[in-house]
Amino acid sequence: MSDARRSEAARILALTGGDAGRAFEVVERQLSVTVMRTQVLLSLSGIVITVTGFSGEAIARVGVLAKASISLGILLVLAAAVTVILGVLRVRWLTQVLADEPEETLRAALSVRDAKSESLARASWLFAAGFALYCVAIAQLLVNAR
């Protein structure tokens, strides 16, 4: 267990006046934030995929750069969605990490939170790269519009 996580667990307990239940709720709320952000990323991914279904063929007809950009972009958006589905939305209840000592429980809960946060961060970078390529493809369509 990292020193940073050990220190954070101690600070959370101090912040809550040693109330293990309230300290547990702090981490639980942080996990809720990752789920909400994951839902936003999945919604945006759904929009990108839907738009591609309607206009992807027209964009791809513009040329090789547009075809490559939209193809790679949609694959990166898909990779971002899969990353958050498997890394954040995978259910692991905090009650599964309960230990006899409150600080040990907090460290385990923080470990769960950190793993989910890292998955969300990776997915965000994948989505951003995919969305950028997607925009390059759309720009190609607009530049070549008659």
N, C-alpha and C. Protein backbone atom coordinates (compact mmCIF):
# COMPACT_ATOMS: atom_id res chain seq x y z
N MET A 1 0.86 -1.18 0.00
CA MET A 1 0.00 0.00 0.00
C MET A 1 0.90 1.24 0.00
N SER A 2 0.60 2.19 -0.83
CA SER A 2 1.46 3.36 -0.96
C SER A 2 1.36 4.28 0.27
N ASP A 3 2.45 5.00 0.48
CA ASP A 3 2.47 5.97 1.58
C ASP A 3 1.43 7.07 1.35
N ALA A 4 1.24 7.45 0.08
CA ALA A 4 0.27 8.50 -0.23
C ALA A 4 -1.14 8.06 0.15
N ARG A 5 -1.48 6.81 -0.15
CA ARG A 5 -2.80 6.30 0.18
C ARG A 5 -2.97 6.18 1.70
N ARG A 6 -1.91 5.74 2.37
CA ARG A 6 -1.93 5.63 3.83
C ARG A 6 -2.15 7.02 4.45
N SER A 7 -1.45 8.01 3.91
CA SER A 7 -1.57 9.39 4.40
C SER A 7 -2.96 9.96 4.11
N GLU A 8 -3.48 9.68 2.92
CA GLU A 8 -4.81 10.18 2.57
C GLU A 8 -5.88 9.57 3.47
N ALA A 9 -5.76 8.28 3.74
CA ALA A 9 -6.72 7.62 4.63
C ALA A 9 -6.69 8.26 6.02
N ALA A 10 -5.51 8.55 6.52
CA ALA A 10 -5.38 9.18 7.83
C ALA A 10 -5.99 10.58 7.82
N ARG A 11 -5.76 11.32 6.74
CA ARG A 11 -6.32 12.68 6.63
C ARG A 11 -7.84 12.66 6.55
N ILE A 12 -8.40 11.70 5.83
CA ILE A 12 -9.86 11.59 5.73
C ILE A 12 -10.44 11.28 7.11
N LEU A 13 -9.82 10.36 7.81
CA LEU A 13 -10.30 10.04 9.17
C LEU A 13 -10.21 11.26 10.08
N ALA A 14 -9.14 12.02 9.96
CA ALA A 14 -8.99 13.23 10.77
C ALA A 14 -10.06 14.25 10.39
N LEU A 15 -10.30 14.39 9.10
CA LEU A 15 -11.30 15.35 8.60
C LEU A 15 -12.69 15.03 9.14
N THR A 16 -12.98 13.77 9.31
CA THR A 16 -14.31 13.35 9.77
C THR A 16 -14.33 13.11 11.28
N GLY A 17 -13.31 13.58 11.96
CA GLY A 17 -13.27 13.44 13.42
C GLY A 17 -13.18 11.98 13.87
N GLY A 18 -12.59 11.14 13.04
CA GLY A 18 -12.44 9.74 13.39
C GLY A 18 -13.69 8.90 13.16
N ASP A 19 -14.73 9.50 12.60
CA ASP A 19 -15.97 8.78 12.33
C ASP A 19 -15.78 7.91 11.07
N ALA A 20 -15.61 6.62 11.28
CA ALA A 20 -15.33 5.69 10.18
C ALA A 20 -16.45 5.70 9.13
N GLY A 21 -17.68 5.78 9.57
CA GLY A 21 -18.81 5.80 8.64
C GLY A 21 -18.78 7.02 7.73
N ARG A 22 -18.55 8.18 8.31
CA ARG A 22 -18.47 9.41 7.50
C ARG A 22 -17.25 9.36 6.57
N ALA A 23 -16.14 8.82 7.06
CA ALA A 23 -14.94 8.71 6.23
C ALA A 23 -15.22 7.79 5.03
N PHE A 24 -15.91 6.70 5.27
CA PHE A 24 -16.28 5.76 4.22
C PHE A 24 -17.16 6.46 3.18
N GLU A 25 -18.09 7.31 3.65
CA GLU A 25 -18.98 8.04 2.75
C GLU A 25 -18.21 9.02 1.86
N VAL A 26 -17.12 9.59 2.36
CA VAL A 26 -16.30 10.49 1.55
C VAL A 26 -15.79 9.76 0.31
N VAL A 27 -15.24 8.58 0.51
CA VAL A 27 -14.72 7.80 -0.61
C VAL A 27 -15.86 7.33 -1.51
N GLU A 28 -16.97 6.96 -0.92
CA GLU A 28 -18.12 6.52 -1.69
C GLU A 28 -18.61 7.64 -2.63
N ARG A 29 -18.64 8.88 -2.13
CA ARG A 29 -19.04 10.02 -2.97
C ARG A 29 -18.04 10.24 -4.10
N GLN A 30 -16.76 10.06 -3.81
CA GLN A 30 -15.75 10.21 -4.86
C GLN A 30 -15.96 9.17 -5.96
N LEU A 31 -16.30 7.96 -5.57
CA LEU A 31 -16.58 6.93 -6.57
C LEU A 31 -17.81 7.29 -7.41
N SER A 32 -18.79 7.92 -6.79
CA SER A 32 -19.97 8.35 -7.53
C SER A 32 -19.61 9.36 -8.61
N VAL A 33 -18.65 10.22 -8.32
CA VAL A 33 -18.20 11.20 -9.31
C VAL A 33 -17.60 10.49 -10.52
N THR A 34 -16.80 9.45 -10.29
CA THR A 34 -16.22 8.73 -11.43
C THR A 34 -17.30 8.09 -12.28
N VAL A 35 -18.35 7.57 -11.64
CA VAL A 35 -19.44 6.95 -12.39
C VAL A 35 -20.19 8.01 -13.21
N MET A 36 -20.44 9.17 -12.62
CA MET A 36 -21.14 10.24 -13.35
C MET A 36 -20.32 10.68 -14.56
N ARG A 37 -19.03 10.84 -14.38
CA ARG A 37 -18.17 11.24 -15.50
C ARG A 37 -18.09 10.16 -16.56
N THR A 38 -18.14 8.93 -16.13
CA THR A 38 -18.16 7.81 -17.07
C THR A 38 -19.43 7.86 -17.90
N GLN A 39 -20.55 8.17 -17.28
CA GLN A 39 -21.82 8.26 -18.01
C GLN A 39 -21.76 9.36 -19.07
N VAL A 40 -21.11 10.48 -18.74
CA VAL A 40 -20.95 11.56 -19.72
C VAL A 40 -20.11 11.07 -20.89
N LEU A 41 -19.00 10.42 -20.59
CA LEU A 41 -18.13 9.93 -21.66
C LEU A 41 -18.86 8.92 -22.54
N LEU A 42 -19.64 8.04 -21.93
CA LEU A 42 -20.39 7.06 -22.72
C LEU A 42 -21.48 7.73 -23.56
N SER A 43 -22.10 8.77 -23.03
CA SER A 43 -23.11 9.51 -23.81
C SER A 43 -22.47 10.17 -25.02
N LEU A 44 -21.33 10.82 -24.80
CA LEU A 44 -20.62 11.45 -25.92
C LEU A 44 -20.18 10.41 -26.94
N SER A 45 -19.73 9.27 -26.47
CA SER A 45 -19.32 8.20 -27.39
C SER A 45 -20.51 7.73 -28.22
N GLY A 46 -21.66 7.61 -27.59
CA GLY A 46 -22.86 7.22 -28.31
C GLY A 46 -23.24 8.22 -29.40
N ILE A 47 -23.07 9.49 -29.10
CA ILE A 47 -23.36 10.53 -30.10
C ILE A 47 -22.40 10.41 -31.28
N VAL A 48 -21.11 10.24 -31.00
CA VAL A 48 -20.12 10.11 -32.07
C VAL A 48 -20.45 8.89 -32.93
N ILE A 49 -20.78 7.79 -32.31
CA ILE A 49 -21.08 6.57 -33.06
C ILE A 49 -22.35 6.75 -33.89
N THR A 50 -23.36 7.41 -33.34
CA THR A 50 -24.61 7.65 -34.07
C THR A 50 -24.38 8.56 -35.27
N VAL A 51 -23.65 9.64 -35.07
CA VAL A 51 -23.37 10.56 -36.17
C VAL A 51 -22.59 9.84 -37.26
N THR A 52 -21.66 8.99 -36.87
CA THR A 52 -20.88 8.24 -37.86
C THR A 52 -21.79 7.33 -38.68
N GLY A 53 -22.79 6.77 -38.03
CA GLY A 53 -23.73 5.93 -38.76
C GLY A 53 -24.49 6.69 -39.83
N PHE A 54 -24.79 7.95 -39.54
CA PHE A 54 -25.55 8.76 -40.51
C PHE A 54 -24.66 9.40 -41.57
N SER A 55 -23.47 9.87 -41.18
CA SER A 55 -22.66 10.64 -42.13
C SER A 55 -21.28 10.06 -42.39
N GLY A 56 -20.98 8.95 -41.77
CA GLY A 56 -19.64 8.36 -41.94
C GLY A 56 -19.28 8.05 -43.37
N GLU A 57 -20.23 7.51 -44.11
CA GLU A 57 -19.94 7.17 -45.50
C GLU A 57 -19.63 8.41 -46.33
N ALA A 58 -20.40 9.48 -46.12
CA ALA A 58 -20.15 10.73 -46.87
C ALA A 58 -18.78 11.30 -46.52
N ILE A 59 -18.41 11.22 -45.26
CA ILE A 59 -17.10 11.73 -44.84
C ILE A 59 -16.00 10.87 -45.45
N ALA A 60 -16.15 9.57 -45.41
CA ALA A 60 -15.12 8.66 -45.92
C ALA A 60 -14.91 8.82 -47.42
N ARG A 61 -15.95 9.22 -48.17
CA ARG A 61 -15.82 9.42 -49.62
C ARG A 61 -14.95 10.60 -49.99
N VAL A 62 -14.70 11.50 -49.04
CA VAL A 62 -13.93 12.72 -49.31
C VAL A 62 -12.50 12.38 -49.72
N GLY A 63 -11.90 11.42 -49.07
CA GLY A 63 -10.52 11.07 -49.42
C GLY A 63 -9.89 10.18 -48.39
N VAL A 64 -8.63 9.86 -48.65
CA VAL A 64 -7.90 8.92 -47.79
C VAL A 64 -7.72 9.48 -46.38
N LEU A 65 -7.37 10.76 -46.25
CA LEU A 65 -7.18 11.34 -44.92
C LEU A 65 -8.48 11.31 -44.12
N ALA A 66 -9.59 11.68 -44.75
CA ALA A 66 -10.88 11.66 -44.06
C ALA A 66 -11.26 10.24 -43.66
N LYS A 67 -11.05 9.29 -44.56
CA LYS A 67 -11.38 7.89 -44.29
C LYS A 67 -10.54 7.36 -43.13
N ALA A 68 -9.24 7.64 -43.16
CA ALA A 68 -8.35 7.16 -42.09
C ALA A 68 -8.69 7.84 -40.77
N SER A 69 -8.96 9.14 -40.81
CA SER A 69 -9.26 9.88 -39.59
C SER A 69 -10.55 9.40 -38.94
N ILE A 70 -11.59 9.23 -39.72
CA ILE A 70 -12.86 8.81 -39.14
C ILE A 70 -12.79 7.36 -38.66
N SER A 71 -12.07 6.53 -39.39
CA SER A 71 -11.94 5.13 -38.99
C SER A 71 -11.15 5.00 -37.69
N LEU A 72 -9.99 5.64 -37.63
CA LEU A 72 -9.18 5.56 -36.42
C LEU A 72 -9.88 6.29 -35.26
N GLY A 73 -10.52 7.41 -35.57
CA GLY A 73 -11.22 8.16 -34.54
C GLY A 73 -12.33 7.36 -33.89
N ILE A 74 -13.12 6.67 -34.69
CA ILE A 74 -14.24 5.89 -34.14
C ILE A 74 -13.71 4.70 -33.34
N LEU A 75 -12.59 4.12 -33.78
CA LEU A 75 -12.00 3.01 -33.03
C LEU A 75 -11.47 3.48 -31.67
N LEU A 76 -10.87 4.67 -31.63
CA LEU A 76 -10.39 5.20 -30.35
C LEU A 76 -11.56 5.55 -29.42
N VAL A 77 -12.64 6.08 -29.97
CA VAL A 77 -13.83 6.36 -29.16
C VAL A 77 -14.40 5.05 -28.61
N LEU A 78 -14.43 4.02 -29.43
CA LEU A 78 -14.87 2.70 -28.97
C LEU A 78 -13.95 2.18 -27.86
N ALA A 79 -12.64 2.33 -28.05
CA ALA A 79 -11.69 1.88 -27.02
C ALA A 79 -11.91 2.63 -25.71
N ALA A 80 -12.23 3.92 -25.80
CA ALA A 80 -12.52 4.70 -24.59
C ALA A 80 -13.76 4.15 -23.89
N ALA A 81 -14.79 3.85 -24.65
CA ALA A 81 -16.02 3.32 -24.06
C ALA A 81 -15.78 1.97 -23.40
N VAL A 82 -15.05 1.10 -24.06
CA VAL A 82 -14.76 -0.22 -23.49
C VAL A 82 -13.92 -0.06 -22.22
N THR A 83 -12.97 0.86 -22.24
CA THR A 83 -12.10 1.09 -21.08
C THR A 83 -12.92 1.49 -19.85
N VAL A 84 -13.88 2.41 -20.01
CA VAL A 84 -14.67 2.81 -18.84
C VAL A 84 -15.70 1.76 -18.45
N ILE A 85 -16.20 1.03 -19.41
CA ILE A 85 -17.16 -0.02 -19.08
C ILE A 85 -16.47 -1.10 -18.23
N LEU A 86 -15.29 -1.51 -18.65
CA LEU A 86 -14.58 -2.57 -17.93
C LEU A 86 -13.86 -2.06 -16.69
N GLY A 87 -13.41 -0.82 -16.72
CA GLY A 87 -12.60 -0.31 -15.61
C GLY A 87 -13.34 0.47 -14.55
N VAL A 88 -14.42 1.14 -14.94
CA VAL A 88 -15.15 1.97 -13.97
C VAL A 88 -16.50 1.35 -13.63
N LEU A 89 -17.23 0.91 -14.63
CA LEU A 89 -18.58 0.42 -14.38
C LEU A 89 -18.61 -1.01 -13.86
N ARG A 90 -17.49 -1.68 -13.91
CA ARG A 90 -17.41 -3.03 -13.33
C ARG A 90 -17.71 -2.90 -11.84
N VAL A 91 -18.65 -3.67 -11.35
CA VAL A 91 -19.12 -3.52 -9.97
C VAL A 91 -18.13 -4.17 -9.00
N ARG A 92 -17.71 -3.37 -8.06
CA ARG A 92 -16.95 -3.86 -6.91
C ARG A 92 -17.43 -3.03 -5.73
N TRP A 93 -18.20 -3.63 -4.86
CA TRP A 93 -18.80 -2.92 -3.75
C TRP A 93 -17.74 -2.57 -2.72
N LEU A 94 -17.87 -1.38 -2.17
CA LEU A 94 -16.92 -0.97 -1.13
C LEU A 94 -17.05 -1.85 0.11
N THR A 95 -18.22 -2.41 0.31
CA THR A 95 -18.39 -3.29 1.48
C THR A 95 -17.57 -4.57 1.33
N GLN A 96 -17.09 -4.85 0.12
CA GLN A 96 -16.24 -6.02 -0.08
C GLN A 96 -14.83 -5.80 0.47
N VAL A 97 -14.48 -4.54 0.75
CA VAL A 97 -13.12 -4.24 1.23
C VAL A 97 -13.12 -3.86 2.71
N LEU A 98 -14.24 -4.10 3.39
CA LEU A 98 -14.30 -3.78 4.82
C LEU A 98 -13.26 -4.60 5.59
N ALA A 99 -12.58 -3.92 6.49
CA ALA A 99 -11.57 -4.57 7.34
C ALA A 99 -11.89 -4.25 8.80
N ASP A 100 -11.15 -4.84 9.70
CA ASP A 100 -11.38 -4.61 11.13
C ASP A 100 -11.01 -3.19 11.55
N GLU A 101 -9.97 -2.64 10.92
CA GLU A 101 -9.51 -1.29 11.26
C GLU A 101 -10.04 -0.29 10.24
N PRO A 102 -10.62 0.84 10.70
CA PRO A 102 -11.15 1.83 9.77
C PRO A 102 -10.12 2.35 8.76
N GLU A 103 -8.90 2.57 9.21
CA GLU A 103 -7.89 3.10 8.28
C GLU A 103 -7.54 2.07 7.21
N GLU A 104 -7.52 0.81 7.58
CA GLU A 104 -7.25 -0.25 6.60
C GLU A 104 -8.39 -0.32 5.58
N THR A 105 -9.62 -0.18 6.04
CA THR A 105 -10.78 -0.15 5.15
C THR A 105 -10.68 1.02 4.19
N LEU A 106 -10.32 2.18 4.72
CA LEU A 106 -10.19 3.37 3.86
C LEU A 106 -9.10 3.18 2.82
N ARG A 107 -7.98 2.62 3.21
CA ARG A 107 -6.90 2.40 2.24
C ARG A 107 -7.36 1.47 1.12
N ALA A 108 -8.09 0.42 1.47
CA ALA A 108 -8.60 -0.50 0.46
C ALA A 108 -9.62 0.20 -0.45
N ALA A 109 -10.49 1.01 0.14
CA ALA A 109 -11.49 1.75 -0.65
C ALA A 109 -10.81 2.76 -1.56
N LEU A 110 -9.77 3.40 -1.06
CA LEU A 110 -9.02 4.36 -1.88
C LEU A 110 -8.32 3.65 -3.04
N SER A 111 -7.91 2.43 -2.81
CA SER A 111 -7.29 1.64 -3.87
C SER A 111 -8.31 1.37 -4.99
N VAL A 112 -9.54 1.03 -4.61
CA VAL A 112 -10.61 0.82 -5.59
C VAL A 112 -10.87 2.12 -6.35
N ARG A 113 -10.98 3.23 -5.60
CA ARG A 113 -11.22 4.53 -6.21
C ARG A 113 -10.11 4.90 -7.19
N ASP A 114 -8.87 4.69 -6.78
CA ASP A 114 -7.74 5.05 -7.64
C ASP A 114 -7.70 4.23 -8.92
N ALA A 115 -8.02 2.95 -8.83
CA ALA A 115 -8.04 2.10 -10.03
C ALA A 115 -9.12 2.57 -11.00
N LYS A 116 -10.28 2.91 -10.48
CA LYS A 116 -11.37 3.39 -11.33
C LYS A 116 -11.04 4.76 -11.92
N SER A 117 -10.41 5.61 -11.13
CA SER A 117 -10.00 6.93 -11.62
C SER A 117 -8.97 6.82 -12.74
N GLU A 118 -8.04 5.89 -12.59
CA GLU A 118 -7.03 5.68 -13.64
C GLU A 118 -7.67 5.18 -14.92
N SER A 119 -8.65 4.30 -14.82
CA SER A 119 -9.37 3.83 -16.01
C SER A 119 -10.10 4.98 -16.68
N LEU A 120 -10.73 5.83 -15.89
CA LEU A 120 -11.42 6.98 -16.44
C LEU A 120 -10.45 7.94 -17.12
N ALA A 121 -9.29 8.14 -16.52
CA ALA A 121 -8.28 9.03 -17.12
C ALA A 121 -7.79 8.47 -18.46
N ARG A 122 -7.50 7.17 -18.51
CA ARG A 122 -7.07 6.55 -19.77
C ARG A 122 -8.16 6.68 -20.83
N ALA A 123 -9.40 6.43 -20.43
CA ALA A 123 -10.51 6.52 -21.38
C ALA A 123 -10.69 7.95 -21.88
N SER A 124 -10.48 8.92 -21.01
CA SER A 124 -10.63 10.32 -21.41
C SER A 124 -9.60 10.69 -22.48
N TRP A 125 -8.37 10.21 -22.30
CA TRP A 125 -7.33 10.47 -23.32
C TRP A 125 -7.66 9.78 -24.63
N LEU A 126 -8.14 8.54 -24.56
CA LEU A 126 -8.53 7.83 -25.77
C LEU A 126 -9.67 8.55 -26.48
N PHE A 127 -10.67 8.99 -25.70
CA PHE A 127 -11.79 9.69 -26.29
C PHE A 127 -11.33 10.99 -26.94
N ALA A 128 -10.49 11.75 -26.23
CA ALA A 128 -10.01 13.04 -26.77
C ALA A 128 -9.26 12.83 -28.08
N ALA A 129 -8.41 11.82 -28.14
CA ALA A 129 -7.68 11.55 -29.38
C ALA A 129 -8.63 11.12 -30.49
N GLY A 130 -9.57 10.25 -30.16
CA GLY A 130 -10.53 9.80 -31.16
C GLY A 130 -11.42 10.93 -31.65
N PHE A 131 -11.84 11.78 -30.73
CA PHE A 131 -12.70 12.91 -31.10
C PHE A 131 -11.94 13.90 -31.97
N ALA A 132 -10.67 14.12 -31.67
CA ALA A 132 -9.84 15.02 -32.48
C ALA A 132 -9.73 14.48 -33.91
N LEU A 133 -9.47 13.20 -34.03
CA LEU A 133 -9.39 12.61 -35.38
C LEU A 133 -10.73 12.68 -36.09
N TYR A 134 -11.77 12.49 -35.35
CA TYR A 134 -13.11 12.59 -35.91
C TYR A 134 -13.36 14.00 -36.45
N CYS A 135 -12.92 15.01 -35.70
CA CYS A 135 -13.06 16.40 -36.14
C CYS A 135 -12.22 16.68 -37.38
N VAL A 136 -11.05 16.07 -37.47
CA VAL A 136 -10.22 16.20 -38.68
C VAL A 136 -10.99 15.66 -39.88
N ALA A 137 -11.65 14.55 -39.70
CA ALA A 137 -12.44 13.96 -40.80
C ALA A 137 -13.58 14.87 -41.21
N ILE A 138 -14.27 15.44 -40.23
CA ILE A 138 -15.38 16.36 -40.54
C ILE A 138 -14.84 17.61 -41.24
N ALA A 139 -13.69 18.10 -40.78
CA ALA A 139 -13.09 19.27 -41.43
C ALA A 139 -12.78 18.97 -42.89
N GLN A 140 -12.32 17.77 -43.17
CA GLN A 140 -12.05 17.38 -44.56
C GLN A 140 -13.33 17.43 -45.39
N LEU A 141 -14.42 16.99 -44.79
CA LEU A 141 -15.71 17.05 -45.51
C LEU A 141 -16.08 18.49 -45.80
N LEU A 142 -15.91 19.36 -44.81
CA LEU A 142 -16.28 20.76 -45.00
C LEU A 142 -15.37 21.47 -45.98
N VAL A 143 -14.09 21.18 -45.94
CA VAL A 143 -13.14 21.81 -46.86
C VAL A 143 -13.45 21.41 -48.31
N ASN A 144 -13.90 20.19 -48.47
CA ASN A 144 -14.19 19.71 -49.82
C ASN A 144 -15.64 19.89 -50.25
N ALA A 145 -16.42 20.60 -49.45
CA ALA A 145 -17.83 20.83 -49.79
C ALA A 145 -17.92 21.72 -51.03
N ARG A 146 -18.94 21.50 -51.80
CA ARG A 146 -19.12 22.30 -53.02
C ARG A 146 -20.17 23.34 -52.83
